[in-house]
Amino acid sequence: MEKLNIKELEEFVNKNISLFHAGKQKALENLKLRQLLKKKNPYLFKAKNISVAWELVKEVLEAFLSSSEEKLFGDFLEELAVFISEKTCGGRKSVATGLDIEFENNDVLYLVSVKSGPNWGNSSQQKKQELDFQNAVKVLKQSKHTKNVQPVLGICYGKTRTSHLRGYLKVVGQNFWYLISENENLYTDIIEPIGYRAKQHNTKFKRQKSKIINLFTKEILEDFCNKDGEINWKKLIEFNSGNLDLVQK
């Protein structure tokens, strides 16, 4: 493998982490309260004994932002891993279903699916990943350029030991970053550039988030609270889930 140029790594991360923050900001700016209320479980928030309008808004918004951030940052880590493999071993973004990277090292063709963290997917999604690996290997072994093919589930953080599972290799944390770079310290080298201008980005994000909470709180008070200020849960549930069409007219 080629040695990774840390300066190039920093430049790539600085550019793309800014896109991550921009994606967060855009998701927040485009959000509508009623769109948000339709997507989240109102029964859960009632069970948590939420009785203050701004607290309801904050809880619903945090739940949305958490899932949105996870998706955006997962995409960023996937692109980072592709970039590193390109620079170290001529890796490329895979066109196979369910896979992210293909690269060769020591006469082995690695087929990698990148996951940001260890707690990914339900049993159906994990089963589909196994089938995606099997299908990709089958196609490659039928070609004229048959190689030693190794499917890999690459997980960006965590301390789980490397293991062989149902036809693929599970590589986690430091081991994953080493696999695509042969640099034992890469998993710590990337942490500083990932924080590029984080304070500036987050200050802007928090300012916008505060505005959204205030605007949505006003809307909740106007549309989903009684005149005495109490949250009207019946009205909120009807908005979220009222769709009866089974009753015969």
Protein backbone atom coordinates (compact mmCIF):
# COMPACT_ATOMS: atom_id res chain seq x y z
CA MET A 1 0.00 0.00 0.00
CA GLU A 2 0.97 3.62 -0.54
CA LYS A 3 1.54 5.80 2.51
CA LEU A 4 -1.36 8.15 3.13
CA ASN A 5 -0.54 11.85 2.75
CA ILE A 6 -1.87 13.39 5.95
CA LYS A 7 -2.08 16.84 4.36
CA GLU A 8 -4.37 15.48 1.63
CA LEU A 9 -6.40 13.70 4.30
CA GLU A 10 -6.86 16.93 6.26
CA GLU A 11 -7.91 18.84 3.13
CA PHE A 12 -10.48 16.19 2.23
CA VAL A 13 -11.91 16.06 5.76
CA ASN A 14 -12.04 19.84 6.11
CA LYS A 15 -14.04 20.15 2.91
CA ASN A 16 -16.41 17.27 3.52
CA ILE A 17 -17.04 17.86 7.22
CA SER A 18 -18.26 21.32 6.17
CA LEU A 19 -20.75 19.58 3.87
CA PHE A 20 -21.90 17.49 6.84
CA HIS A 21 -22.58 20.63 8.87
CA ALA A 22 -24.29 22.26 5.89
CA GLY A 23 -26.54 19.20 5.57
CA LYS A 24 -27.49 19.47 9.25
CA GLN A 25 -28.30 23.14 8.84
CA LYS A 26 -30.40 22.56 5.72
CA ALA A 27 -32.38 19.75 7.36
CA LEU A 28 -33.18 22.09 10.25
CA GLU A 29 -34.10 25.09 8.09
CA ASN A 30 -36.44 23.04 5.87
CA LEU A 31 -38.28 21.45 8.79
CA LYS A 32 -41.99 22.04 9.39
CA LEU A 33 -43.69 21.30 12.71
CA ARG A 34 -46.59 19.35 11.24
CA GLN A 35 -44.21 17.28 9.14
CA LEU A 36 -42.26 16.53 12.31
CA LEU A 37 -45.34 15.64 14.40
CA LYS A 38 -46.47 13.14 11.76
CA LYS A 39 -43.16 11.25 11.94
CA LYS A 40 -42.75 10.86 15.71
CA ASN A 41 -44.58 8.75 18.26
CA PRO A 42 -46.88 11.00 20.35
CA TYR A 43 -47.74 8.15 22.73
CA LEU A 44 -44.08 7.99 23.77
CA PHE A 45 -43.99 11.68 24.68
CA LYS A 46 -47.24 11.39 26.64
CA ALA A 47 -45.78 8.40 28.50
CA LYS A 48 -42.79 10.60 29.44
CA ASN A 49 -45.26 12.96 31.14
CA ILE A 50 -44.37 15.95 29.01
CA SER A 51 -46.70 18.82 29.85
CA VAL A 52 -44.79 21.92 28.67
CA ALA A 53 -45.06 22.99 25.03
CA TRP A 54 -41.40 23.92 24.53
CA GLU A 55 -40.33 20.64 26.16
CA LEU A 56 -42.50 18.68 23.72
CA VAL A 57 -40.99 20.58 20.79
CA LYS A 58 -37.47 20.02 22.10
CA GLU A 59 -38.01 16.26 22.58
CA VAL A 60 -39.55 15.79 19.12
CA LEU A 61 -36.87 17.91 17.48
CA GLU A 62 -34.00 16.13 19.23
CA ALA A 63 -35.36 12.74 18.13
CA PHE A 64 -35.50 13.93 14.53
CA LEU A 65 -32.05 15.57 14.57
CA SER A 66 -30.42 12.52 16.11
CA SER A 67 -31.52 10.21 13.28
CA SER A 68 -30.74 12.89 10.65
CA GLU A 69 -27.22 13.47 12.01
CA GLU A 70 -26.49 9.75 12.15
CA LYS A 71 -27.39 9.35 8.46
CA LEU A 72 -25.40 12.42 7.37
CA PHE A 73 -22.33 11.50 9.38
CA GLY A 74 -22.50 7.89 8.24
CA ASP A 75 -22.40 9.13 4.65
CA PHE A 76 -19.38 11.29 5.51
CA LEU A 77 -17.47 8.36 7.05
CA GLU A 78 -18.24 6.21 4.00
CA GLU A 79 -16.81 8.88 1.67
CA LEU A 80 -13.76 9.25 3.93
CA ALA A 81 -13.09 5.51 3.82
CA VAL A 82 -13.43 5.49 0.01
CA PHE A 83 -11.01 8.43 -0.26
CA ILE A 84 -8.43 6.75 1.98
CA SER A 85 -8.60 3.47 0.05
CA GLU A 86 -8.20 5.38 -3.24
CA LYS A 87 -5.00 7.01 -1.97
CA THR A 88 -3.46 3.93 -0.36
CA CYS A 89 -4.35 1.02 -2.62
CA GLY A 90 -6.24 2.27 -5.66
CA GLY A 91 -9.59 1.55 -4.05
CA ARG A 92 -12.83 2.59 -5.67
CA LYS A 93 -16.46 3.10 -4.79
CA SER A 94 -18.27 -0.17 -5.41
CA VAL A 95 -21.16 -0.39 -7.85
CA ALA A 96 -22.41 -3.64 -6.29
CA THR A 97 -25.64 -3.48 -4.31
CA GLY A 98 -25.06 -3.01 -0.58
CA LEU A 99 -21.29 -2.46 -0.91
CA ASP A 100 -19.25 0.73 -0.61
CA ILE A 101 -15.58 0.02 -1.42
CA GLU A 102 -13.57 -2.40 -3.53
CA PHE A 103 -9.78 -2.57 -3.24
CA GLU A 104 -6.96 -5.03 -3.76
CA ASN A 105 -4.07 -5.83 -1.44
CA ASN A 106 -1.71 -8.83 -1.44
CA ASP A 107 -3.67 -10.53 -4.25
CA VAL A 108 -6.94 -10.31 -2.32
CA LEU A 109 -9.94 -8.36 -3.59
CA TYR A 110 -11.75 -6.84 -0.63
CA LEU A 111 -15.45 -6.00 -0.91
CA VAL A 112 -16.33 -3.64 1.91
CA SER A 113 -19.62 -2.46 3.32
CA VAL A 114 -19.02 0.50 5.66
CA LYS A 115 -21.14 1.07 8.76
CA SER A 116 -20.53 4.03 11.05
CA GLY A 117 -21.10 2.14 14.32
CA PRO A 118 -21.55 -1.36 15.79
CA ASN A 119 -25.30 -1.08 16.47
CA TRP A 120 -26.43 -1.01 12.89
CA GLY A 121 -29.52 -2.55 11.31
CA ASN A 122 -32.13 -5.03 12.43
CA SER A 123 -32.01 -8.76 11.71
CA SER A 124 -33.62 -8.30 8.27
CA GLN A 125 -31.08 -5.64 7.26
CA GLN A 126 -28.21 -7.81 8.48
CA LYS A 127 -29.56 -10.77 6.53
CA LYS A 128 -29.81 -8.60 3.42
CA GLN A 129 -26.19 -7.55 3.89
CA GLU A 130 -25.16 -11.22 3.91
CA LEU A 131 -27.07 -11.80 0.67
CA ASP A 132 -25.46 -8.73 -0.92
CA PHE A 133 -22.02 -10.13 -0.06
CA GLN A 134 -22.92 -13.55 -1.44
CA ASN A 135 -24.28 -12.12 -4.69
CA ALA A 136 -21.23 -9.90 -5.24
CA VAL A 137 -18.82 -12.78 -4.63
CA LYS A 138 -20.79 -15.05 -6.95
CA VAL A 139 -20.68 -12.51 -9.80
CA LEU A 140 -16.93 -11.94 -9.38
CA LYS A 141 -16.09 -15.62 -9.28
CA GLN A 142 -17.99 -16.17 -12.52
CA SER A 143 -15.88 -13.57 -14.31
CA LYS A 144 -12.69 -14.31 -16.20
CA HIS A 145 -10.65 -12.38 -13.67
CA THR A 146 -11.36 -14.55 -10.68
CA LYS A 147 -9.46 -13.46 -7.59
CA ASN A 148 -9.33 -14.32 -3.94
CA VAL A 149 -12.40 -12.39 -2.80
CA GLN A 150 -12.93 -11.31 0.81
CA PRO A 151 -16.20 -9.62 1.83
CA VAL A 152 -15.76 -7.23 4.78
CA LEU A 153 -18.17 -5.54 7.12
CA GLY A 154 -16.18 -2.47 8.13
CA ILE A 155 -17.35 -0.62 11.23
CA CYS A 156 -15.80 2.78 11.90
CA TYR A 157 -15.73 2.74 15.70
CA GLY A 158 -15.85 0.22 18.54
CA LYS A 159 -13.54 -2.31 20.22
CA THR A 160 -15.07 -5.60 19.03
CA ARG A 161 -12.40 -8.07 17.98
CA THR A 162 -12.06 -9.08 14.34
CA SER A 163 -14.23 -12.09 13.56
CA HIS A 164 -15.38 -14.30 10.67
CA LEU A 165 -19.17 -14.42 10.31
CA ARG A 166 -21.21 -16.42 7.79
CA GLY A 167 -18.88 -15.80 4.87
CA TYR A 168 -17.59 -12.32 5.64
CA LEU A 169 -15.00 -10.62 7.84
CA LYS A 170 -16.17 -8.20 10.53
CA VAL A 171 -13.54 -5.53 11.17
CA VAL A 172 -14.13 -2.82 13.77
CA GLY A 173 -12.58 0.47 14.91
CA GLN A 174 -8.79 0.73 14.66
CA ASN A 175 -8.67 -2.54 12.71
CA PHE A 176 -11.00 -1.17 10.02
CA TRP A 177 -8.94 1.97 9.43
CA TYR A 178 -5.77 -0.16 9.42
CA LEU A 179 -7.28 -2.53 6.83
CA ILE A 180 -7.72 0.27 4.29
CA SER A 181 -4.44 2.07 5.02
CA GLU A 182 -2.00 -0.20 6.91
CA ASN A 183 -1.54 2.78 9.26
CA GLU A 184 -1.95 1.77 12.91
CA ASN A 185 -2.57 5.37 13.99
CA LEU A 186 -5.05 6.43 11.32
CA TYR A 187 -8.05 5.98 13.63
CA THR A 188 -6.64 8.72 15.88
CA ASP A 189 -5.10 10.80 13.06
CA ILE A 190 -8.55 11.58 11.65
CA ILE A 191 -10.06 12.93 14.88
CA GLU A 192 -8.50 16.40 14.76
CA PRO A 193 -9.47 17.29 11.17
CA ILE A 194 -13.00 16.00 11.85
CA GLY A 195 -13.30 18.79 14.41
CA TYR A 196 -12.44 21.41 11.78
CA ARG A 197 -14.29 24.65 12.60
CA ALA A 198 -16.70 22.61 14.77
CA LYS A 199 -17.29 25.46 17.22
CA GLN A 200 -18.16 27.88 14.43
CA HIS A 201 -20.49 25.41 12.71
CA ASN A 202 -22.23 24.42 15.94
CA THR A 203 -22.71 28.02 17.10
CA LYS A 204 -24.61 28.75 13.89
CA PHE A 205 -26.58 25.51 14.21
CA LYS A 206 -27.57 26.17 17.84
CA ARG A 207 -28.73 29.69 16.98
CA GLN A 208 -31.00 28.32 14.24
CA LYS A 209 -32.18 25.49 16.49
CA SER A 210 -33.21 27.98 19.20
CA LYS A 211 -35.25 29.94 16.65
CA ILE A 212 -36.97 26.76 15.45
CA ILE A 213 -37.83 25.72 19.03
CA ASN A 214 -39.36 29.15 19.70
CA LEU A 215 -41.37 29.17 16.46
CA PHE A 216 -42.58 25.59 16.90
CA THR A 217 -43.50 26.25 20.54
CA LYS A 218 -45.67 29.18 19.43
CA GLU A 219 -47.32 26.91 16.86
CA ILE A 220 -47.93 24.15 19.42
CA LEU A 221 -49.52 26.65 21.81
CA GLU A 222 -51.79 27.99 19.08
CA ASP A 223 -52.81 24.72 17.42
CA PHE A 224 -52.43 21.92 19.97
CA CYS A 225 -53.08 23.47 23.37
CA ASN A 226 -56.30 24.32 25.18
CA LYS A 227 -57.09 27.93 26.08
CA ASP A 228 -55.71 27.34 29.58
CA GLY A 229 -52.32 26.34 28.08
CA GLU A 230 -52.59 22.57 28.64
CA ILE A 231 -51.43 20.34 25.76
CA ASN A 232 -54.45 18.84 24.01
CA TRP A 233 -53.16 15.29 23.55
CA LYS A 234 -56.41 14.07 21.98
CA LYS A 235 -56.09 16.68 19.21
CA LEU A 236 -52.41 15.86 18.76
CA ILE A 237 -53.09 12.12 18.47
CA GLU A 238 -55.91 12.75 16.00
CA PHE A 239 -53.54 14.82 13.86
CA ASN A 240 -50.83 12.17 14.01
CA SER A 241 -52.90 8.98 13.63
CA GLY A 242 -56.53 9.74 12.81
CA ASN A 243 -57.31 7.89 9.55
CA LEU A 244 -60.29 5.61 10.14
CA ASP A 245 -61.52 4.06 6.89
CA LEU A 246 -62.60 0.59 8.03
CA VAL A 247 -66.05 1.61 9.24
CA GLN A 248 -68.73 0.67 6.73
CA LYS A 249 -70.94 3.59 5.80
